[in-house]
Amino acid sequence: MSNECMQNSPGRTIVKITDTTEHDAVNNRFIQKKVPGTRVCLSCRSVFTESLPNDIILHYLRVRHEPCCRCLYCNGPMYRYRDSKDNLQFYHDCQRSKRLLDNP
């Protein structure tokens, strides 16, 4: 719930409680699944599906890939793939890279 403070008179504050929920939806159980789409990895030329962001991470963890370039911020590996509309996309996560969770 969020609280809103209002000044009623000098020295007195009224706190109004509203029925709103605020949360940071970073857990996969809070992320709505998308219609599965096919992706083509440009490193290994394999096709994989994505319905959750975790599906892309799993693809790059299962098989070692050669990075196409490095991140300008953390110097971590970046990988390329094409989405179902043939758009070029990049996979990289600075936090995972800093914790050495992705392949070099």
C-alpha atoms as a PDB file:
ATOM      1  CA  MET A   1       0.000   0.000   0.000  1.00  0.00           C
ATOM      2  CA  SER A   2       1.132   3.515  -0.580  1.00  0.00           C
ATOM      3  CA  ASN A   3       0.714   6.327   1.884  1.00  0.00           C
ATOM      4  CA  GLU A   4      -0.031   9.912   0.940  1.00  0.00           C
ATOM      5  CA  CYS A   5       0.650  12.649   3.492  1.00  0.00           C
ATOM      6  CA  MET A   6      -1.416  15.835   3.547  1.00  0.00           C
ATOM      7  CA  GLN A   7      -1.152  18.876   5.776  1.00  0.00           C
ATOM      8  CA  ASN A   8      -4.491  19.476   7.545  1.00  0.00           C
ATOM      9  CA  SER A   9      -3.538  22.346   9.804  1.00  0.00           C
ATOM     10  CA  PRO A  10      -0.237  23.656  11.198  1.00  0.00           C
ATOM     11  CA  GLY A  11       1.567  20.844  12.997  1.00  0.00           C
ATOM     12  CA  ARG A  12      -0.968  18.116  12.071  1.00  0.00           C
ATOM     13  CA  THR A  13      -0.483  15.600   9.276  1.00  0.00           C
ATOM     14  CA  ILE A  14      -3.163  13.280   7.924  1.00  0.00           C
ATOM     15  CA  VAL A  15      -1.983  10.053   6.317  1.00  0.00           C
ATOM     16  CA  LYS A  16      -4.295   8.740   3.596  1.00  0.00           C
ATOM     17  CA  ILE A  17      -3.878   5.044   2.772  1.00  0.00           C
ATOM     18  CA  THR A  18      -4.792   3.994  -0.757  1.00  0.00           C
ATOM     19  CA  ASP A  19      -5.346   0.481  -2.046  1.00  0.00           C
ATOM     20  CA  THR A  20      -2.465   0.234  -4.494  1.00  0.00           C
ATOM     21  CA  THR A  21       0.155  -2.447  -4.697  1.00  0.00           C
ATOM     22  CA  GLU A  22       3.713  -1.644  -5.658  1.00  0.00           C
ATOM     23  CA  HIS A  23       6.233  -4.379  -6.380  1.00  0.00           C
ATOM     24  CA  ASP A  24       9.267  -5.098  -8.473  1.00  0.00           C
ATOM     25  CA  ALA A  25       8.297  -7.982 -10.722  1.00  0.00           C
ATOM     26  CA  VAL A  26      11.707  -9.498 -11.351  1.00  0.00           C
ATOM     27  CA  ASN A  27      10.854 -13.071 -10.449  1.00  0.00           C
ATOM     28  CA  ASN A  28       9.840 -15.313 -13.375  1.00  0.00           C
ATOM     29  CA  ARG A  29       6.544 -16.139 -11.692  1.00  0.00           C
ATOM     30  CA  PHE A  30       5.551 -12.464 -12.104  1.00  0.00           C
ATOM     31  CA  ILE A  31       6.521 -12.329 -15.774  1.00  0.00           C
ATOM     32  CA  GLN A  32       3.717 -13.219 -18.154  1.00  0.00           C
ATOM     33  CA  LYS A  33       4.595 -15.806 -20.774  1.00  0.00           C
ATOM     34  CA  LYS A  34       4.611 -14.623 -24.361  1.00  0.00           C
ATOM     35  CA  VAL A  35       3.426 -16.638 -27.330  1.00  0.00           C
ATOM     36  CA  PRO A  36       6.466 -18.815 -28.069  1.00  0.00           C
ATOM     37  CA  GLY A  37       8.478 -17.417 -30.933  1.00  0.00           C
ATOM     38  CA  THR A  38      11.353 -18.992 -32.802  1.00  0.00           C
ATOM     39  CA  ARG A  39      14.799 -17.452 -32.639  1.00  0.00           C
ATOM     40  CA  VAL A  40      17.862 -18.270 -34.727  1.00  0.00           C
ATOM     41  CA  CYS A  41      21.225 -18.111 -32.988  1.00  0.00           C
ATOM     42  CA  LEU A  42      23.813 -16.555 -35.303  1.00  0.00           C
ATOM     43  CA  SER A  43      26.726 -18.257 -33.513  1.00  0.00           C
ATOM     44  CA  CYS A  44      25.639 -21.897 -33.648  1.00  0.00           C
ATOM     45  CA  ARG A  45      22.915 -21.516 -36.334  1.00  0.00           C
ATOM     46  CA  SER A  46      20.414 -23.438 -34.221  1.00  0.00           C
ATOM     47  CA  VAL A  47      16.743 -22.575 -33.766  1.00  0.00           C
ATOM     48  CA  PHE A  48      15.293 -22.155 -30.278  1.00  0.00           C
ATOM     49  CA  THR A  49      11.991 -20.929 -28.871  1.00  0.00           C
ATOM     50  CA  GLU A  50      11.426 -18.097 -26.439  1.00  0.00           C
ATOM     51  CA  SER A  51       8.367 -17.631 -24.250  1.00  0.00           C
ATOM     52  CA  LEU A  52      10.228 -16.270 -21.201  1.00  0.00           C
ATOM     53  CA  PRO A  53      13.439 -14.218 -20.980  1.00  0.00           C
ATOM     54  CA  ASN A  54      15.009 -17.220 -19.239  1.00  0.00           C
ATOM     55  CA  ASP A  55      14.739 -19.257 -22.472  1.00  0.00           C
ATOM     56  CA  ILE A  56      17.404 -17.115 -24.158  1.00  0.00           C
ATOM     57  CA  ILE A  57      19.702 -17.429 -21.138  1.00  0.00           C
ATOM     58  CA  LEU A  58      19.282 -21.214 -21.154  1.00  0.00           C
ATOM     59  CA  HIS A  59      20.167 -21.426 -24.851  1.00  0.00           C
ATOM     60  CA  TYR A  60      23.474 -19.635 -24.341  1.00  0.00           C
ATOM     61  CA  LEU A  61      24.290 -21.653 -21.205  1.00  0.00           C
ATOM     62  CA  ARG A  62      23.691 -25.096 -22.755  1.00  0.00           C
ATOM     63  CA  VAL A  63      26.328 -24.784 -25.474  1.00  0.00           C
ATOM     64  CA  ARG A  64      29.471 -22.677 -25.471  1.00  0.00           C
ATOM     65  CA  HIS A  65      29.164 -19.807 -27.972  1.00  0.00           C
ATOM     66  CA  GLU A  66      31.742 -17.472 -29.440  1.00  0.00           C
ATOM     67  CA  PRO A  67      30.770 -13.881 -28.552  1.00  0.00           C
ATOM     68  CA  CYS A  68      30.241 -11.480 -31.437  1.00  0.00           C
ATOM     69  CA  CYS A  69      31.481  -8.471 -29.479  1.00  0.00           C
ATOM     70  CA  ARG A  70      31.996  -7.118 -25.957  1.00  0.00           C
ATOM     71  CA  CYS A  71      29.805  -4.885 -23.803  1.00  0.00           C
ATOM     72  CA  LEU A  72      31.037  -1.295 -23.573  1.00  0.00           C
ATOM     73  CA  TYR A  73      30.101  -1.088 -19.871  1.00  0.00           C
ATOM     74  CA  CYS A  74      31.375  -4.341 -18.348  1.00  0.00           C
ATOM     75  CA  ASN A  75      33.419  -5.888 -21.195  1.00  0.00           C
ATOM     76  CA  GLY A  76      31.244  -9.013 -20.960  1.00  0.00           C
ATOM     77  CA  PRO A  77      30.384 -11.260 -23.919  1.00  0.00           C
ATOM     78  CA  MET A  78      27.513 -10.340 -26.245  1.00  0.00           C
ATOM     79  CA  TYR A  79      25.713 -12.734 -28.582  1.00  0.00           C
ATOM     80  CA  ARG A  80      23.524 -12.163 -31.643  1.00  0.00           C
ATOM     81  CA  TYR A  81      20.318 -13.867 -32.731  1.00  0.00           C
ATOM     82  CA  ARG A  82      17.427 -13.162 -35.093  1.00  0.00           C
ATOM     83  CA  ASP A  83      13.856 -13.027 -33.847  1.00  0.00           C
ATOM     84  CA  SER A  84      10.751 -14.361 -35.637  1.00  0.00           C
ATOM     85  CA  LYS A  85      10.471 -11.098 -37.615  1.00  0.00           C
ATOM     86  CA  ASP A  86      14.086 -11.470 -38.819  1.00  0.00           C
ATOM     87  CA  ASN A  87      15.258  -8.539 -36.667  1.00  0.00           C
ATOM     88  CA  LEU A  88      18.800  -8.667 -35.320  1.00  0.00           C
ATOM     89  CA  GLN A  89      18.800  -8.907 -31.503  1.00  0.00           C
ATOM     90  CA  PHE A  90      21.593  -9.037 -28.951  1.00  0.00           C
ATOM     91  CA  TYR A  91      21.781 -11.059 -25.746  1.00  0.00           C
ATOM     92  CA  HIS A  92      23.815  -9.735 -22.833  1.00  0.00           C
ATOM     93  CA  ASP A  93      23.260  -9.148 -19.126  1.00  0.00           C
ATOM     94  CA  CYS A  94      25.831  -7.011 -17.295  1.00  0.00           C
ATOM     95  CA  GLN A  95      24.844  -8.391 -13.877  1.00  0.00           C
ATOM     96  CA  ARG A  96      25.215 -12.033 -14.978  1.00  0.00           C
ATOM     97  CA  SER A  97      28.508 -11.206 -16.664  1.00  0.00           C
ATOM     98  CA  LYS A  98      29.957  -9.448 -13.601  1.00  0.00           C
ATOM     99  CA  ARG A  99      29.087 -12.480 -11.455  1.00  0.00           C
ATOM    100  CA  LEU A 100      30.705 -14.769 -14.078  1.00  0.00           C
ATOM    101  CA  LEU A 101      27.434 -16.640 -14.697  1.00  0.00           C
ATOM    102  CA  ASP A 102      27.680 -16.489 -18.510  1.00  0.00           C
ATOM    103  CA  ASN A 103      30.255 -18.222 -20.672  1.00  0.00           C
ATOM    104  CA  PRO A 104      33.318 -16.055 -21.491  1.00  0.00           C
END
